[in-house]
Amino acid sequence: MTLAQLKYAITIADVKSMNKVARKLYISQPSLSASIKSLEEELGIEIFRRSNRGVSLTPDGEEFIGYARQVVDQYRLVESRYIAKEKVKKKFSVSMQHYTFAVQAFVELVKQFGMDEYEFAIYETKTHEVIEDVERFKSEIGILYLNDFNRKVLTKLFRDNSLEFHEILECSIYVYMAKSHPLAWKEEIELEELAEYPCLAFDQGDNNSFYFAEEVLSTYEYKRLIKANDRATFLNLMIGLNGYTLCSGIICEELNGSEYCAVKLKSDEKMTIGYLVRKGVTVSSLGQKYLEEIAKFKDKALG
C-alpha cells in the first residue's frame, strides 16, 4: 500500500468516476484501475462498486477511506512542516447534539488558543450525523446523550463503528421554556401539565427513529408537537407559542440570554451526556482541553 494509492482512492471517493479522476491526475484510466484493484487485493476488501453510472463506496470502503483521509492529512502536515517549512495550523473539530453548554465550551477553547495558529470547526447537527462525523474523522469528538431507552441500540452502533462513549455527567430531566411561560413559576412540572403547550423536538431527517431523538421520553404521545432543525428557532417558539423542550437543564445565559429557564420535570428519568471518539485513537491536546471545558459544566448540572 502506497501513499499514491491512498490519494487515488480518496479522489475517486470524492469524484465518483474513474475516468474523471484519471484525467484530473494525468494518469491513464487502466493504470488507475489497476492500482485500485491491487490495493483492494492487498487489503482483502472491495473499496468501490463499479457500475455504468460510475463508482460508489462499499461499507468497507467507507471505513477505509476514513482512515486513508487521516493518513494523508497527517502526511500533508508533516510535509508542510518539515519539507516545505510552512507553518501549518493545528485543527480541531467537534460535532454535537444541540447543547448550548457544549457550544460555550467551544467558545472558551477558541478564546484560550486563538485562531492565529489553530483552525476550528463546530457542527451542531442530528444524532446520526454526530456518530457519522466521528466515525469518518470529520470530527475528533462527538457530544450526545444516552438513557435507559436508547443506550442498548446506540451502544451497539458505537461498537459496530469502532467508537467509544465516555460519560461526562448524569442529570435529571428539565423543562426548558421561556420565563414568560405560564408554568415557569413552578418548582416542578408534571408531564400532563404540559399537554396544552407545544413540545419542541429536533428533526432527525431520514434517521427519525425514536432511538435517535435528542429529547428524552421520545415515545410519549404528545398532544402538540412541533419539529424544527435549529436552536434559534426553538428559542423563538418558546417565546412566541409558549413552547417547551426537555433537556439537561444546564443554561448558558452568555449565549442564549436571560429570557429562559429550566424547571425540573417530575420524573425519575436520567440522561447521561458524554463524548464519542474513535476507538484506539488518542485525543489531541486541543480535544483534551475541550473536554476539560465541558467537564466544568458537571457542577452546573441540575440534580
C-alpha atoms as a PDB file:
ATOM      1  CA  MET A   1       0.000   0.000   0.000  1.00  0.00           C
ATOM      2  CA  THR A   2       1.408   3.360  -1.042  1.00  0.00           C
ATOM      3  CA  LEU A   3       0.558   6.977  -0.317  1.00  0.00           C
ATOM      4  CA  ALA A   4      -0.264   7.412  -4.008  1.00  0.00           C
ATOM      5  CA  GLN A   5      -2.845   4.629  -3.805  1.00  0.00           C
ATOM      6  CA  LEU A   6      -4.447   6.274  -0.773  1.00  0.00           C
ATOM      7  CA  LYS A   7      -4.657   9.586  -2.633  1.00  0.00           C
ATOM      8  CA  TYR A   8      -6.145   7.846  -5.679  1.00  0.00           C
ATOM      9  CA  ALA A   9      -8.798   6.136  -3.559  1.00  0.00           C
ATOM     10  CA  ILE A  10      -9.738   9.365  -1.749  1.00  0.00           C
ATOM     11  CA  THR A  11     -10.068  11.274  -5.027  1.00  0.00           C
ATOM     12  CA  ILE A  12     -12.232   8.534  -6.551  1.00  0.00           C
ATOM     13  CA  ALA A  13     -14.454   8.542  -3.465  1.00  0.00           C
ATOM     14  CA  ASP A  14     -14.927  12.304  -3.865  1.00  0.00           C
ATOM     15  CA  VAL A  15     -15.366  12.444  -7.659  1.00  0.00           C
ATOM     16  CA  LYS A  16     -17.168   9.081  -8.109  1.00  0.00           C
ATOM     17  CA  SER A  17     -15.725   8.492 -11.592  1.00  0.00           C
ATOM     18  CA  MET A  18     -12.585   6.603 -12.614  1.00  0.00           C
ATOM     19  CA  ASN A  19     -12.364   8.434 -15.957  1.00  0.00           C
ATOM     20  CA  LYS A  20     -12.648  11.898 -14.411  1.00  0.00           C
ATOM     21  CA  VAL A  21     -10.062  11.076 -11.746  1.00  0.00           C
ATOM     22  CA  ALA A  22      -7.654   9.702 -14.353  1.00  0.00           C
ATOM     23  CA  ARG A  23      -7.897  12.951 -16.324  1.00  0.00           C
ATOM     24  CA  LYS A  24      -7.586  15.033 -13.172  1.00  0.00           C
ATOM     25  CA  LEU A  25      -4.452  13.192 -12.003  1.00  0.00           C
ATOM     26  CA  TYR A  26      -2.945  12.898 -15.518  1.00  0.00           C
ATOM     27  CA  ILE A  27      -2.681   9.109 -15.496  1.00  0.00           C
ATOM     28  CA  SER A  28      -4.294   6.545 -17.748  1.00  0.00           C
ATOM     29  CA  GLN A  29      -7.592   5.021 -16.692  1.00  0.00           C
ATOM     30  CA  PRO A  30      -6.252   1.426 -16.960  1.00  0.00           C
ATOM     31  CA  SER A  31      -3.302   2.353 -14.703  1.00  0.00           C
ATOM     32  CA  LEU A  32      -5.633   3.922 -12.150  1.00  0.00           C
ATOM     33  CA  SER A  33      -7.966   0.903 -12.178  1.00  0.00           C
ATOM     34  CA  ALA A  34      -5.013  -1.483 -11.823  1.00  0.00           C
ATOM     35  CA  SER A  35      -3.657   0.494  -8.861  1.00  0.00           C
ATOM     36  CA  ILE A  36      -7.011   0.407  -7.038  1.00  0.00           C
ATOM     37  CA  LYS A  37      -7.505  -3.298  -7.823  1.00  0.00           C
ATOM     38  CA  SER A  38      -4.040  -4.024  -6.401  1.00  0.00           C
ATOM     39  CA  LEU A  39      -4.899  -2.040  -3.262  1.00  0.00           C
ATOM     40  CA  GLU A  40      -8.168  -3.944  -2.803  1.00  0.00           C
ATOM     41  CA  GLU A  41      -6.392  -7.280  -3.213  1.00  0.00           C
ATOM     42  CA  GLU A  42      -3.771  -6.295  -0.645  1.00  0.00           C
ATOM     43  CA  LEU A  43      -6.417  -5.184   1.867  1.00  0.00           C
ATOM     44  CA  GLY A  44      -8.727  -8.105   1.168  1.00  0.00           C
ATOM     45  CA  ILE A  45     -11.768  -5.854   0.774  1.00  0.00           C
ATOM     46  CA  GLU A  46     -13.758  -4.272  -2.024  1.00  0.00           C
ATOM     47  CA  ILE A  47     -13.454  -0.490  -1.722  1.00  0.00           C
ATOM     48  CA  PHE A  48     -15.615   0.532  -4.682  1.00  0.00           C
ATOM     49  CA  ARG A  49     -18.635  -0.819  -6.508  1.00  0.00           C
ATOM     50  CA  ARG A  50     -18.404  -0.250 -10.266  1.00  0.00           C
ATOM     51  CA  SER A  51     -21.457   0.385 -12.462  1.00  0.00           C
ATOM     52  CA  ASN A  52     -22.429   2.169 -15.669  1.00  0.00           C
ATOM     53  CA  ARG A  53     -23.210   5.246 -13.570  1.00  0.00           C
ATOM     54  CA  GLY A  54     -19.734   5.397 -12.036  1.00  0.00           C
ATOM     55  CA  VAL A  55     -18.331   4.118  -8.757  1.00  0.00           C
ATOM     56  CA  SER A  56     -19.587   4.192  -5.176  1.00  0.00           C
ATOM     57  CA  LEU A  57     -18.099   3.206  -1.845  1.00  0.00           C
ATOM     58  CA  THR A  58     -18.907  -0.118  -0.215  1.00  0.00           C
ATOM     59  CA  PRO A  59     -19.410  -0.178   3.586  1.00  0.00           C
ATOM     60  CA  ASP A  60     -15.836  -1.492   3.931  1.00  0.00           C
ATOM     61  CA  GLY A  61     -14.717   1.220   1.552  1.00  0.00           C
ATOM     62  CA  GLU A  62     -16.321   3.980   3.619  1.00  0.00           C
ATOM     63  CA  GLU A  63     -14.438   2.829   6.705  1.00  0.00           C
ATOM     64  CA  PHE A  64     -11.172   2.520   4.799  1.00  0.00           C
ATOM     65  CA  ILE A  65     -11.495   5.993   3.228  1.00  0.00           C
ATOM     66  CA  GLY A  66     -11.968   7.484   6.701  1.00  0.00           C
ATOM     67  CA  TYR A  67      -8.616   6.053   7.781  1.00  0.00           C
ATOM     68  CA  ALA A  68      -6.995   6.948   4.451  1.00  0.00           C
ATOM     69  CA  ARG A  69      -8.010  10.591   4.820  1.00  0.00           C
ATOM     70  CA  GLN A  70      -6.435  10.701   8.270  1.00  0.00           C
ATOM     71  CA  VAL A  71      -3.162   9.219   6.979  1.00  0.00           C
ATOM     72  CA  VAL A  72      -2.994  11.608   4.017  1.00  0.00           C
ATOM     73  CA  ASP A  73      -3.876  14.622   6.179  1.00  0.00           C
ATOM     74  CA  GLN A  74      -1.147  13.721   8.645  1.00  0.00           C
ATOM     75  CA  TYR A  75       1.359  13.271   5.816  1.00  0.00           C
ATOM     76  CA  ARG A  76       0.477  16.716   4.447  1.00  0.00           C
ATOM     77  CA  LEU A  77       1.041  18.234   7.862  1.00  0.00           C
ATOM     78  CA  VAL A  78       4.472  16.601   8.118  1.00  0.00           C
ATOM     79  CA  GLU A  79       5.311  17.593   4.542  1.00  0.00           C
ATOM     80  CA  SER A  80       4.283  21.203   5.085  1.00  0.00           C
ATOM     81  CA  ARG A  81       6.092  21.492   8.419  1.00  0.00           C
ATOM     82  CA  TYR A  82       9.368  19.737   7.666  1.00  0.00           C
ATOM     83  CA  ILE A  83       9.753  19.752   3.882  1.00  0.00           C
ATOM     84  CA  ALA A  84       8.042  22.918   2.676  1.00  0.00           C
ATOM     85  CA  LYS A  85       8.860  24.609   6.022  1.00  0.00           C
ATOM     86  CA  GLU A  86       5.375  26.048   6.217  1.00  0.00           C
ATOM     87  CA  LYS A  87       3.677  26.985   9.454  1.00  0.00           C
ATOM     88  CA  VAL A  88       0.603  24.764   9.483  1.00  0.00           C
ATOM     89  CA  LYS A  89      -2.409  25.440  11.681  1.00  0.00           C
ATOM     90  CA  LYS A  90      -3.453  22.673  14.050  1.00  0.00           C
ATOM     91  CA  LYS A  91      -7.065  21.598  13.542  1.00  0.00           C
ATOM     92  CA  PHE A  92      -9.858  20.678  15.925  1.00  0.00           C
ATOM     93  CA  SER A  93     -13.473  19.877  15.097  1.00  0.00           C
ATOM     94  CA  VAL A  94     -16.398  18.686  17.193  1.00  0.00           C
ATOM     95  CA  SER A  95     -19.931  17.507  16.336  1.00  0.00           C
ATOM     96  CA  MET A  96     -22.757  17.668  18.847  1.00  0.00           C
ATOM     97  CA  GLN A  97     -26.420  17.457  19.538  1.00  0.00           C
ATOM     98  CA  HIS A  98     -27.973  20.841  20.312  1.00  0.00           C
ATOM     99  CA  TYR A  99     -26.336  21.662  23.663  1.00  0.00           C
ATOM    100  CA  THR A 100     -25.617  25.310  24.478  1.00  0.00           C
ATOM    101  CA  PHE A 101     -23.055  24.331  27.106  1.00  0.00           C
ATOM    102  CA  ALA A 102     -21.102  22.324  24.503  1.00  0.00           C
ATOM    103  CA  VAL A 103     -21.025  25.428  22.302  1.00  0.00           C
ATOM    104  CA  GLN A 104     -19.965  27.536  25.299  1.00  0.00           C
ATOM    105  CA  ALA A 105     -17.079  25.145  25.965  1.00  0.00           C
ATOM    106  CA  PHE A 106     -16.053  25.515  22.319  1.00  0.00           C
ATOM    107  CA  VAL A 107     -16.145  29.305  22.665  1.00  0.00           C
ATOM    108  CA  GLU A 108     -13.869  29.130  25.702  1.00  0.00           C
ATOM    109  CA  LEU A 109     -11.478  26.835  23.831  1.00  0.00           C
ATOM    110  CA  VAL A 110     -11.192  29.259  20.907  1.00  0.00           C
ATOM    111  CA  LYS A 111     -10.689  32.203  23.285  1.00  0.00           C
ATOM    112  CA  GLN A 112      -7.843  30.425  25.040  1.00  0.00           C
ATOM    113  CA  PHE A 113      -5.962  29.254  21.960  1.00  0.00           C
ATOM    114  CA  GLY A 114      -6.902  31.907  19.417  1.00  0.00           C
ATOM    115  CA  MET A 115      -7.177  31.418  15.672  1.00  0.00           C
ATOM    116  CA  ASP A 116      -3.729  32.500  14.518  1.00  0.00           C
ATOM    117  CA  GLU A 117      -2.236  29.038  14.942  1.00  0.00           C
ATOM    118  CA  TYR A 118      -5.368  26.922  15.134  1.00  0.00           C
ATOM    119  CA  GLU A 119      -8.258  26.094  12.814  1.00  0.00           C
ATOM    120  CA  PHE A 120     -11.582  25.210  14.472  1.00  0.00           C
ATOM    121  CA  ALA A 121     -14.846  23.679  13.264  1.00  0.00           C
ATOM    122  CA  ILE A 122     -18.096  23.002  15.115  1.00  0.00           C
ATOM    123  CA  TYR A 123     -21.130  21.094  13.826  1.00  0.00           C
ATOM    124  CA  GLU A 124     -24.399  21.283  15.770  1.00  0.00           C
ATOM    125  CA  THR A 125     -26.326  18.559  13.998  1.00  0.00           C
ATOM    126  CA  LYS A 126     -28.528  15.455  14.036  1.00  0.00           C
ATOM    127  CA  THR A 127     -27.735  12.463  16.260  1.00  0.00           C
ATOM    128  CA  HIS A 128     -26.882  10.111  13.406  1.00  0.00           C
ATOM    129  CA  GLU A 129     -24.581  12.727  11.856  1.00  0.00           C
ATOM    130  CA  VAL A 130     -22.743  13.208  15.160  1.00  0.00           C
ATOM    131  CA  ILE A 131     -21.934   9.491  15.114  1.00  0.00           C
ATOM    132  CA  GLU A 132     -21.082   9.511  11.412  1.00  0.00           C
ATOM    133  CA  ASP A 133     -18.837  12.589  11.707  1.00  0.00           C
ATOM    134  CA  VAL A 134     -16.681  10.927  14.371  1.00  0.00           C
ATOM    135  CA  GLU A 135     -16.648   7.585  12.555  1.00  0.00           C
ATOM    136  CA  ARG A 136     -15.455   9.262   9.333  1.00  0.00           C
ATOM    137  CA  PHE A 137     -12.910  11.529  11.070  1.00  0.00           C
ATOM    138  CA  LYS A 138     -14.791  14.706  10.142  1.00  0.00           C
ATOM    139  CA  SER A 139     -14.845  15.481  13.862  1.00  0.00           C
ATOM    140  CA  GLU A 140     -12.466  14.326  16.550  1.00  0.00           C
ATOM    141  CA  ILE A 141     -15.146  14.365  19.265  1.00  0.00           C
ATOM    142  CA  GLY A 142     -18.930  13.955  19.315  1.00  0.00           C
ATOM    143  CA  ILE A 143     -21.220  15.102  22.134  1.00  0.00           C
ATOM    144  CA  LEU A 144     -24.534  13.282  22.730  1.00  0.00           C
ATOM    145  CA  TYR A 145     -26.583  11.568  25.413  1.00  0.00           C
ATOM    146  CA  LEU A 146     -27.650   8.072  26.419  1.00  0.00           C
ATOM    147  CA  ASN A 147     -30.513   6.953  28.628  1.00  0.00           C
ATOM    148  CA  ASP A 148     -32.202   3.672  29.505  1.00  0.00           C
ATOM    149  CA  PHE A 149     -34.285   3.811  26.314  1.00  0.00           C
ATOM    150  CA  ASN A 150     -31.595   4.376  23.663  1.00  0.00           C
ATOM    151  CA  ARG A 151     -28.497   3.010  25.410  1.00  0.00           C
ATOM    152  CA  LYS A 152     -28.584  -0.556  24.051  1.00  0.00           C
ATOM    153  CA  VAL A 153     -29.225   0.465  20.438  1.00  0.00           C
ATOM    154  CA  LEU A 154     -26.725   3.330  20.323  1.00  0.00           C
ATOM    155  CA  THR A 155     -24.040   1.401  22.209  1.00  0.00           C
ATOM    156  CA  LYS A 156     -24.241  -1.354  19.593  1.00  0.00           C
ATOM    157  CA  LEU A 157     -23.986   1.285  16.848  1.00  0.00           C
ATOM    158  CA  PHE A 158     -20.905   2.734  18.530  1.00  0.00           C
ATOM    159  CA  ARG A 159     -19.329  -0.714  18.802  1.00  0.00           C
ATOM    160  CA  ASP A 160     -20.082  -1.579  15.167  1.00  0.00           C
ATOM    161  CA  ASN A 161     -18.387   1.637  14.040  1.00  0.00           C
ATOM    162  CA  SER A 162     -15.312   1.309  16.304  1.00  0.00           C
ATOM    163  CA  LEU A 163     -16.374   4.182  18.548  1.00  0.00           C
ATOM    164  CA  GLU A 164     -16.173   4.650  22.313  1.00  0.00           C
ATOM    165  CA  PHE A 165     -18.591   6.578  24.540  1.00  0.00           C
ATOM    166  CA  HIS A 166     -17.309   8.199  27.741  1.00  0.00           C
ATOM    167  CA  GLU A 167     -19.595   9.700  30.377  1.00  0.00           C
ATOM    168  CA  ILE A 168     -19.246  13.394  31.223  1.00  0.00           C
ATOM    169  CA  LEU A 169     -22.218  13.955  33.504  1.00  0.00           C
ATOM    170  CA  GLU A 170     -25.551  12.477  34.560  1.00  0.00           C
ATOM    171  CA  CYS A 171     -28.555  14.712  35.147  1.00  0.00           C
ATOM    172  CA  SER A 172     -32.294  14.727  35.715  1.00  0.00           C
ATOM    173  CA  ILE A 173     -34.764  15.919  33.073  1.00  0.00           C
ATOM    174  CA  TYR A 174     -35.807  19.552  32.953  1.00  0.00           C
ATOM    175  CA  VAL A 175     -38.416  21.501  31.038  1.00  0.00           C
ATOM    176  CA  TYR A 176     -36.706  24.277  29.122  1.00  0.00           C
ATOM    177  CA  MET A 177     -39.028  27.218  28.420  1.00  0.00           C
ATOM    178  CA  ALA A 178     -39.296  30.989  28.310  1.00  0.00           C
ATOM    179  CA  LYS A 179     -39.621  32.770  31.646  1.00  0.00           C
ATOM    180  CA  SER A 180     -42.900  34.167  30.282  1.00  0.00           C
ATOM    181  CA  HIS A 181     -44.385  30.647  30.069  1.00  0.00           C
ATOM    182  CA  PRO A 182     -47.465  30.184  32.331  1.00  0.00           C
ATOM    183  CA  LEU A 183     -45.763  27.284  34.148  1.00  0.00           C
ATOM    184  CA  ALA A 184     -42.327  28.863  34.548  1.00  0.00           C
ATOM    185  CA  TRP A 185     -43.042  29.825  38.169  1.00  0.00           C
ATOM    186  CA  LYS A 186     -43.390  26.203  39.325  1.00  0.00           C
ATOM    187  CA  GLU A 187     -40.630  24.309  41.165  1.00  0.00           C
ATOM    188  CA  GLU A 188     -41.578  21.044  39.460  1.00  0.00           C
ATOM    189  CA  ILE A 189     -43.805  20.208  36.483  1.00  0.00           C
ATOM    190  CA  GLU A 190     -45.712  17.034  35.662  1.00  0.00           C
ATOM    191  CA  LEU A 191     -45.747  15.982  32.021  1.00  0.00           C
ATOM    192  CA  GLU A 192     -49.557  16.086  31.929  1.00  0.00           C
ATOM    193  CA  GLU A 193     -49.493  19.794  32.808  1.00  0.00           C
ATOM    194  CA  LEU A 194     -47.696  20.489  29.527  1.00  0.00           C
ATOM    195  CA  ALA A 195     -50.367  18.878  27.333  1.00  0.00           C
ATOM    196  CA  GLU A 196     -51.797  22.164  26.031  1.00  0.00           C
ATOM    197  CA  TYR A 197     -48.398  23.594  25.113  1.00  0.00           C
ATOM    198  CA  PRO A 198     -46.349  22.591  22.048  1.00  0.00           C
ATOM    199  CA  CYS A 199     -43.428  20.261  22.685  1.00  0.00           C
ATOM    200  CA  LEU A 200     -40.439  21.200  20.520  1.00  0.00           C
ATOM    201  CA  ALA A 201     -38.326  18.413  19.055  1.00  0.00           C
ATOM    202  CA  PHE A 202     -35.274  18.480  16.810  1.00  0.00           C
ATOM    203  CA  ASP A 203     -35.960  16.960  13.409  1.00  0.00           C
ATOM    204  CA  GLN A 204     -33.691  13.979  12.717  1.00  0.00           C
ATOM    205  CA  GLY A 205     -34.258  13.835   8.957  1.00  0.00           C
ATOM    206  CA  ASP A 206     -34.215  10.381   7.393  1.00  0.00           C
ATOM    207  CA  ASN A 207     -32.957   8.824  10.641  1.00  0.00           C
ATOM    208  CA  ASN A 208     -36.101   9.618  12.601  1.00  0.00           C
ATOM    209  CA  SER A 209     -36.120   6.553  14.837  1.00  0.00           C
ATOM    210  CA  PHE A 210     -37.087   7.245  18.453  1.00  0.00           C
ATOM    211  CA  TYR A 211     -33.618   5.985  19.397  1.00  0.00           C
ATOM    212  CA  PHE A 212     -32.032   8.967  17.627  1.00  0.00           C
ATOM    213  CA  ALA A 213     -34.288  11.577  19.244  1.00  0.00           C
ATOM    214  CA  GLU A 214     -32.434  14.296  21.138  1.00  0.00           C
ATOM    215  CA  GLU A 215     -35.278  14.655  23.593  1.00  0.00           C
ATOM    216  CA  VAL A 216     -35.877  12.055  26.294  1.00  0.00           C
ATOM    217  CA  LEU A 217     -39.354  10.494  26.553  1.00  0.00           C
ATOM    218  CA  SER A 218     -39.433  10.468  22.753  1.00  0.00           C
ATOM    219  CA  THR A 219     -42.129   7.750  22.626  1.00  0.00           C
ATOM    220  CA  TYR A 220     -44.585   9.760  24.703  1.00  0.00           C
ATOM    221  CA  GLU A 221     -47.783  10.683  22.816  1.00  0.00           C
ATOM    222  CA  TYR A 222     -47.543  14.471  22.853  1.00  0.00           C
ATOM    223  CA  LYS A 223     -50.832  16.235  22.107  1.00  0.00           C
ATOM    224  CA  ARG A 224     -48.993  19.071  20.366  1.00  0.00           C
ATOM    225  CA  LEU A 225     -45.615  18.626  18.742  1.00  0.00           C
ATOM    226  CA  ILE A 226     -43.509  20.935  16.569  1.00  0.00           C
ATOM    227  CA  LYS A 227     -40.285  19.804  14.904  1.00  0.00           C
ATOM    228  CA  ALA A 228     -37.531  22.229  13.982  1.00  0.00           C
ATOM    229  CA  ASN A 229     -33.896  21.908  12.986  1.00  0.00           C
ATOM    230  CA  ASP A 230     -32.049  24.663  14.838  1.00  0.00           C
ATOM    231  CA  ARG A 231     -31.770  26.024  18.351  1.00  0.00           C
ATOM    232  CA  ALA A 232     -32.556  29.650  17.433  1.00  0.00           C
ATOM    233  CA  THR A 233     -35.979  28.581  16.105  1.00  0.00           C
ATOM    234  CA  PHE A 234     -36.616  26.683  19.344  1.00  0.00           C
ATOM    235  CA  LEU A 235     -35.971  29.823  21.376  1.00  0.00           C
ATOM    236  CA  ASN A 236     -38.298  31.870  19.183  1.00  0.00           C
ATOM    237  CA  LEU A 237     -41.067  29.271  19.504  1.00  0.00           C
ATOM    238  CA  MET A 238     -40.674  29.209  23.272  1.00  0.00           C
ATOM    239  CA  ILE A 239     -41.474  32.898  23.399  1.00  0.00           C
ATOM    240  CA  GLY A 240     -43.980  33.080  20.544  1.00  0.00           C
ATOM    241  CA  LEU A 241     -46.002  29.921  21.267  1.00  0.00           C
ATOM    242  CA  ASN A 242     -45.157  29.039  24.874  1.00  0.00           C
ATOM    243  CA  GLY A 243     -43.324  26.022  23.517  1.00  0.00           C
ATOM    244  CA  TYR A 244     -41.006  23.873  25.599  1.00  0.00           C
ATOM    245  CA  THR A 245     -38.452  21.119  25.219  1.00  0.00           C
ATOM    246  CA  LEU A 246     -36.947  18.529  27.568  1.00  0.00           C
ATOM    247  CA  CYS A 247     -33.248  18.859  28.314  1.00  0.00           C
ATOM    248  CA  SER A 248     -30.436  18.606  30.854  1.00  0.00           C
ATOM    249  CA  GLY A 249     -31.359  21.915  32.460  1.00  0.00           C
ATOM    250  CA  ILE A 250     -27.887  23.416  32.038  1.00  0.00           C
ATOM    251  CA  ILE A 251     -28.466  27.013  30.964  1.00  0.00           C
ATOM    252  CA  CYS A 252     -25.871  29.291  29.359  1.00  0.00           C
ATOM    253  CA  GLU A 253     -27.189  32.830  29.580  1.00  0.00           C
ATOM    254  CA  GLU A 254     -23.999  34.100  27.946  1.00  0.00           C
ATOM    255  CA  LEU A 255     -25.200  32.642  24.640  1.00  0.00           C
ATOM    256  CA  ASN A 256     -28.993  32.343  24.864  1.00  0.00           C
ATOM    257  CA  GLY A 257     -29.769  35.360  27.027  1.00  0.00           C
ATOM    258  CA  SER A 258     -31.680  35.608  30.293  1.00  0.00           C
ATOM    259  CA  GLU A 259     -35.218  35.111  28.970  1.00  0.00           C
ATOM    260  CA  TYR A 260     -35.284  31.336  29.532  1.00  0.00           C
ATOM    261  CA  CYS A 261     -35.423  28.963  32.481  1.00  0.00           C
ATOM    262  CA  ALA A 262     -35.322  25.250  33.314  1.00  0.00           C
ATOM    263  CA  VAL A 263     -37.919  23.689  35.615  1.00  0.00           C
ATOM    264  CA  LYS A 264     -37.483  20.132  36.873  1.00  0.00           C
ATOM    265  CA  LEU A 265     -39.778  17.541  35.317  1.00  0.00           C
ATOM    266  CA  LYS A 266     -41.433  15.214  37.810  1.00  0.00           C
ATOM    267  CA  SER A 267     -39.766  12.032  36.603  1.00  0.00           C
ATOM    268  CA  ASP A 268     -37.148   9.544  37.720  1.00  0.00           C
ATOM    269  CA  GLU A 269     -35.717   9.526  34.209  1.00  0.00           C
ATOM    270  CA  LYS A 270     -31.999  10.344  33.894  1.00  0.00           C
ATOM    271  CA  MET A 271     -29.812  11.219  30.943  1.00  0.00           C
ATOM    272  CA  THR A 272     -26.078  10.608  30.621  1.00  0.00           C
ATOM    273  CA  ILE A 273     -24.260  13.155  28.493  1.00  0.00           C
ATOM    274  CA  GLY A 274     -20.890  12.037  27.187  1.00  0.00           C
ATOM    275  CA  TYR A 275     -18.367  12.262  24.404  1.00  0.00           C
ATOM    276  CA  LEU A 276     -17.738   9.955  21.485  1.00  0.00           C
ATOM    277  CA  VAL A 277     -14.291   9.231  19.999  1.00  0.00           C
ATOM    278  CA  ARG A 278     -12.717   6.745  17.617  1.00  0.00           C
ATOM    279  CA  LYS A 279     -11.625   3.569  19.396  1.00  0.00           C
ATOM    280  CA  GLY A 280      -7.865   3.399  19.778  1.00  0.00           C
ATOM    281  CA  VAL A 281      -7.276   6.986  18.598  1.00  0.00           C
ATOM    282  CA  THR A 282      -5.536   9.290  21.083  1.00  0.00           C
ATOM    283  CA  VAL A 283      -7.410  12.517  21.783  1.00  0.00           C
ATOM    284  CA  SER A 284      -5.377  15.563  20.723  1.00  0.00           C
ATOM    285  CA  SER A 285      -4.228  18.273  23.138  1.00  0.00           C
ATOM    286  CA  LEU A 286      -6.981  20.551  21.813  1.00  0.00           C
ATOM    287  CA  GLY A 287      -9.502  17.760  22.273  1.00  0.00           C
ATOM    288  CA  GLN A 288      -8.363  17.194  25.850  1.00  0.00           C
ATOM    289  CA  LYS A 289      -8.682  20.895  26.603  1.00  0.00           C
ATOM    290  CA  TYR A 290     -12.185  20.961  25.108  1.00  0.00           C
ATOM    291  CA  LEU A 291     -13.221  18.028  27.302  1.00  0.00           C
ATOM    292  CA  GLU A 292     -11.848  19.890  30.319  1.00  0.00           C
ATOM    293  CA  GLU A 293     -14.061  22.856  29.434  1.00  0.00           C
ATOM    294  CA  ILE A 294     -17.061  20.549  29.021  1.00  0.00           C
ATOM    295  CA  ALA A 295     -16.359  18.921  32.407  1.00  0.00           C
ATOM    296  CA  LYS A 296     -16.688  22.312  34.125  1.00  0.00           C
ATOM    297  CA  PHE A 297     -20.415  22.117  33.456  1.00  0.00           C
ATOM    298  CA  LYS A 298     -20.663  18.979  35.601  1.00  0.00           C
ATOM    299  CA  ASP A 299     -21.024  21.159  38.699  1.00  0.00           C
ATOM    300  CA  LYS A 300     -23.718  23.182  36.947  1.00  0.00           C
ATOM    301  CA  ALA A 301     -25.790  20.108  36.066  1.00  0.00           C
ATOM    302  CA  LEU A 302     -29.078  20.273  37.903  1.00  0.00           C
ATOM    303  CA  GLY A 303     -29.758  17.352  40.246  1.00  0.00           C
END
